[in-house]
C-alpha atoms as a PDB file:
ATOM      1  CA  UNK A   1       5.081   7.329 -13.337  1.00  0.00           C
ATOM      2  CA  UNK A   2       8.181   5.176 -13.644  1.00  0.00           C
ATOM      3  CA  UNK A   3       8.831   2.094 -11.540  1.00  0.00           C
ATOM      4  CA  UNK A   4      11.226   3.952  -9.229  1.00  0.00           C
ATOM      5  CA  UNK A   5       8.569   6.489  -8.314  1.00  0.00           C
ATOM      6  CA  UNK A   6       5.986   3.735  -7.767  1.00  0.00           C
ATOM      7  CA  UNK A   7       8.490   2.000  -5.510  1.00  0.00           C
ATOM      8  CA  UNK A   8       9.140   5.201  -3.582  1.00  0.00           C
ATOM      9  CA  UNK A   9       5.431   5.955  -3.143  1.00  0.00           C
ATOM     10  CA  UNK A  10       4.491   2.434  -2.048  1.00  0.00           C
ATOM     11  CA  UNK A  11       7.626   1.346  -0.208  1.00  0.00           C
ATOM     12  CA  UNK A  12       7.708  -1.777  -2.387  1.00  0.00           C
ATOM     13  CA  UNK A  13      11.108  -2.595  -3.926  1.00  0.00           C
ATOM     14  CA  UNK A  14      11.300  -2.357  -7.716  1.00  0.00           C
ATOM     15  CA  UNK A  15      12.234  -6.029  -7.895  1.00  0.00           C
ATOM     16  CA  UNK A  16       8.979  -6.947  -6.132  1.00  0.00           C
ATOM     17  CA  UNK A  17       6.972  -4.630  -8.392  1.00  0.00           C
ATOM     18  CA  UNK A  18       8.437  -6.423 -11.425  1.00  0.00           C
ATOM     19  CA  UNK A  19       7.478  -9.749  -9.839  1.00  0.00           C
ATOM     20  CA  UNK A  20       3.927  -8.503  -9.226  1.00  0.00           C
ATOM     21  CA  UNK A  21       3.773  -7.519 -12.871  1.00  0.00           C
ATOM     22  CA  UNK A  22       5.066 -10.941 -13.965  1.00  0.00           C
ATOM     23  CA  UNK A  23       2.313 -12.527 -11.849  1.00  0.00           C
ATOM     24  CA  UNK A  24      -0.395 -10.303 -13.363  1.00  0.00           C
ATOM     25  CA  UNK A  25      -1.037  -8.284 -10.198  1.00  0.00           C
ATOM     26  CA  UNK A  26       0.072  -5.064 -11.904  1.00  0.00           C
ATOM     27  CA  UNK A  27       0.224  -3.905 -15.487  1.00  0.00           C
ATOM     28  CA  UNK A  28       2.260  -1.152 -17.038  1.00  0.00           C
ATOM     29  CA  UNK A  29       2.549   0.581 -20.337  1.00  0.00           C
ATOM     30  CA  UNK A  30       5.936   0.467 -22.048  1.00  0.00           C
ATOM     31  CA  UNK A  31       7.438   3.612 -23.479  1.00  0.00           C
ATOM     32  CA  UNK A  32       9.463   3.604 -26.687  1.00  0.00           C
ATOM     33  CA  UNK A  33      12.669   3.129 -24.691  1.00  0.00           C
ATOM     34  CA  UNK A  34      11.168   0.133 -22.830  1.00  0.00           C
ATOM     35  CA  UNK A  35      10.628   1.881 -19.485  1.00  0.00           C
ATOM     36  CA  UNK A  36       7.573   0.852 -17.518  1.00  0.00           C
ATOM     37  CA  UNK A  37       4.947   3.544 -16.984  1.00  0.00           C
ATOM     38  CA  UNK A  38       2.363   3.123 -14.227  1.00  0.00           C
ATOM     39  CA  UNK A  39      -0.903   4.953 -13.644  1.00  0.00           C
ATOM     40  CA  UNK A  40      -1.862   6.742 -10.448  1.00  0.00           C
ATOM     41  CA  UNK A  41      -4.311   3.920  -9.610  1.00  0.00           C
ATOM     42  CA  UNK A  42      -1.377   1.486  -9.545  1.00  0.00           C
ATOM     43  CA  UNK A  43      -0.182   3.008  -6.255  1.00  0.00           C
ATOM     44  CA  UNK A  44      -3.272   1.644  -4.497  1.00  0.00           C
ATOM     45  CA  UNK A  45      -3.277  -1.617  -6.481  1.00  0.00           C
ATOM     46  CA  UNK A  46       0.392  -2.339  -5.681  1.00  0.00           C
ATOM     47  CA  UNK A  47      -0.181  -1.556  -2.006  1.00  0.00           C
ATOM     48  CA  UNK A  48      -3.263  -3.781  -1.952  1.00  0.00           C
ATOM     49  CA  UNK A  49      -1.374  -6.585  -3.757  1.00  0.00           C
ATOM     50  CA  UNK A  50       1.411  -6.434  -1.184  1.00  0.00           C
ATOM     51  CA  UNK A  51      -1.114  -6.596   1.656  1.00  0.00           C
ATOM     52  CA  UNK A  52      -2.841  -9.620   0.171  1.00  0.00           C
ATOM     53  CA  UNK A  53       0.426 -11.470  -0.403  1.00  0.00           C
ATOM     54  CA  UNK A  54       1.717 -10.579   3.057  1.00  0.00           C
ATOM     55  CA  UNK A  55      -1.507 -11.890   4.564  1.00  0.00           C
ATOM     56  CA  UNK A  56      -0.711 -15.279   3.096  1.00  0.00           C
ATOM     57  CA  UNK A  57      -2.568 -15.365  -0.207  1.00  0.00           C
ATOM     58  CA  UNK A  58      -0.772 -16.822  -3.182  1.00  0.00           C
ATOM     59  CA  UNK A  59      -0.170 -14.377  -6.000  1.00  0.00           C
ATOM     60  CA  UNK A  60      -2.705 -16.344  -8.037  1.00  0.00           C
ATOM     61  CA  UNK A  61      -5.423 -15.799  -5.431  1.00  0.00           C
ATOM     62  CA  UNK A  62      -4.320 -12.213  -4.837  1.00  0.00           C
ATOM     63  CA  UNK A  63      -4.888 -11.543  -8.536  1.00  0.00           C
ATOM     64  CA  UNK A  64      -8.360 -13.066  -8.296  1.00  0.00           C
ATOM     65  CA  UNK A  65      -9.205 -10.862  -5.300  1.00  0.00           C
ATOM     66  CA  UNK A  66      -7.847  -7.724  -6.978  1.00  0.00           C
ATOM     67  CA  UNK A  67      -9.770  -8.467 -10.180  1.00  0.00           C
ATOM     68  CA  UNK A  68     -12.972  -9.165  -8.232  1.00  0.00           C
ATOM     69  CA  UNK A  69     -12.580  -5.900  -6.309  1.00  0.00           C
ATOM     70  CA  UNK A  70     -12.086  -4.043  -9.584  1.00  0.00           C
ATOM     71  CA  UNK A  71     -15.154  -5.580 -11.222  1.00  0.00           C
ATOM     72  CA  UNK A  72     -17.284  -4.986  -8.105  1.00  0.00           C
ATOM     73  CA  UNK A  73     -16.264  -1.326  -8.085  1.00  0.00           C
ATOM     74  CA  UNK A  74     -18.385  -0.704 -11.165  1.00  0.00           C
ATOM     75  CA  UNK A  75     -21.330  -2.723  -9.833  1.00  0.00           C
ATOM     76  CA  UNK A  76     -20.798  -5.739 -12.060  1.00  0.00           C
ATOM     77  CA  UNK A  77     -21.152  -9.044 -10.203  1.00  0.00           C
ATOM     78  CA  UNK A  78     -17.937 -11.014 -10.581  1.00  0.00           C
ATOM     79  CA  UNK A  79     -17.892 -14.365 -12.343  1.00  0.00           C
ATOM     80  CA  UNK A  80     -17.148 -17.165  -9.905  1.00  0.00           C
ATOM     81  CA  UNK A  81     -16.979 -20.795 -10.932  1.00  0.00           C
ATOM     82  CA  UNK A  82     -17.706 -23.513  -8.386  1.00  0.00           C
ATOM     83  CA  UNK A  83     -13.990 -24.407  -8.369  1.00  0.00           C
ATOM     84  CA  UNK A  84     -12.977 -20.803  -7.677  1.00  0.00           C
ATOM     85  CA  UNK A  85     -15.638 -20.532  -4.981  1.00  0.00           C
ATOM     86  CA  UNK A  86     -14.269 -23.648  -3.285  1.00  0.00           C
ATOM     87  CA  UNK A  87     -10.704 -22.311  -3.486  1.00  0.00           C
ATOM     88  CA  UNK A  88     -11.725 -18.984  -2.000  1.00  0.00           C
ATOM     89  CA  UNK A  89     -13.738 -20.701   0.736  1.00  0.00           C
ATOM     90  CA  UNK A  90     -10.679 -22.749   1.706  1.00  0.00           C
ATOM     91  CA  UNK A  91      -8.530 -19.615   1.664  1.00  0.00           C
ATOM     92  CA  UNK A  92     -11.068 -17.805   3.841  1.00  0.00           C
ATOM     93  CA  UNK A  93     -10.908 -20.624   6.394  1.00  0.00           C
ATOM     94  CA  UNK A  94      -7.089 -20.473   6.351  1.00  0.00           C
ATOM     95  CA  UNK A  95      -7.169 -16.686   6.857  1.00  0.00           C
ATOM     96  CA  UNK A  96      -9.575 -17.074   9.769  1.00  0.00           C
ATOM     97  CA  UNK A  97      -7.207 -19.628  11.288  1.00  0.00           C
ATOM     98  CA  UNK A  98      -4.220 -17.285  10.897  1.00  0.00           C
ATOM     99  CA  UNK A  99      -6.210 -14.403  12.398  1.00  0.00           C
ATOM    100  CA  UNK A 100      -7.144 -16.535  15.394  1.00  0.00           C
ATOM    101  CA  UNK A 101      -3.493 -17.535  15.834  1.00  0.00           C
ATOM    102  CA  UNK A 102      -2.351 -13.915  15.591  1.00  0.00           C
ATOM    103  CA  UNK A 103      -5.002 -12.869  18.108  1.00  0.00           C
ATOM    104  CA  UNK A 104      -3.848 -15.546  20.549  1.00  0.00           C
ATOM    105  CA  UNK A 105      -0.232 -14.433  20.075  1.00  0.00           C
ATOM    106  CA  UNK A 106      -1.150 -10.798  20.599  1.00  0.00           C
ATOM    107  CA  UNK A 107      -3.111 -11.651  23.736  1.00  0.00           C
ATOM    108  CA  UNK A 108      -0.172 -13.668  25.095  1.00  0.00           C
ATOM    109  CA  UNK A 109       2.245 -10.791  24.552  1.00  0.00           C
ATOM    110  CA  UNK A 110      -0.200  -8.347  26.171  1.00  0.00           C
ATOM    111  CA  UNK A 111      -0.644 -10.684  29.175  1.00  0.00           C
ATOM    112  CA  UNK A 112       3.117 -11.015  29.538  1.00  0.00           C
ATOM    113  CA  UNK A 113       3.567  -7.252  29.472  1.00  0.00           C
ATOM    114  CA  UNK A 114       0.819  -6.850  32.070  1.00  0.00           C
ATOM    115  CA  UNK A 115       2.302  -9.536  34.332  1.00  0.00           C
ATOM    116  CA  UNK A 116       5.742  -7.949  33.992  1.00  0.00           C
ATOM    117  CA  UNK A 117       4.136  -4.631  34.899  1.00  0.00           C
ATOM    118  CA  UNK A 118       5.154  -3.139  31.590  1.00  0.00           C
ATOM    119  CA  UNK A 119       1.645  -2.885  30.154  1.00  0.00           C
ATOM    120  CA  UNK A 120       1.981   0.922  30.167  1.00  0.00           C
ATOM    121  CA  UNK A 121       4.303   0.444  27.181  1.00  0.00           C
ATOM    122  CA  UNK A 122       1.355  -0.795  25.087  1.00  0.00           C
ATOM    123  CA  UNK A 123      -0.378   2.577  25.443  1.00  0.00           C
ATOM    124  CA  UNK A 124       2.792   4.290  24.196  1.00  0.00           C
ATOM    125  CA  UNK A 125       3.151   1.958  21.183  1.00  0.00           C
ATOM    126  CA  UNK A 126       2.055   3.370  17.826  1.00  0.00           C
ATOM    127  CA  UNK A 127      -1.221   1.889  16.525  1.00  0.00           C
ATOM    128  CA  UNK A 128      -0.870  -1.002  14.098  1.00  0.00           C
END
């Protein structure tokens, strides 16, 4: 599929898909006319890359995570140097901190809605 179709299927702008490719998060084949061609599996990989980046991972760490997930899919244990392990441990702590902050923020908004007697709106909200 061409980059426009990948963009349409993932909701990721073509400019961002090119950036992901520049950062090694995605790869494409090039046709004779220079157009990028993506595989069906790239829909999931691009979506996963976006999720990792949006969660706060650097593109460098997102690539590591994507590559580890790919190697684990076939049962092969991933290589992990001590330095990489330390980096990922620090990133895990930072993610836990962000999750705790988001949970506190969510709880505050829910409390406010309840106190304002608008908590019925939460039941009507689409699931996240």
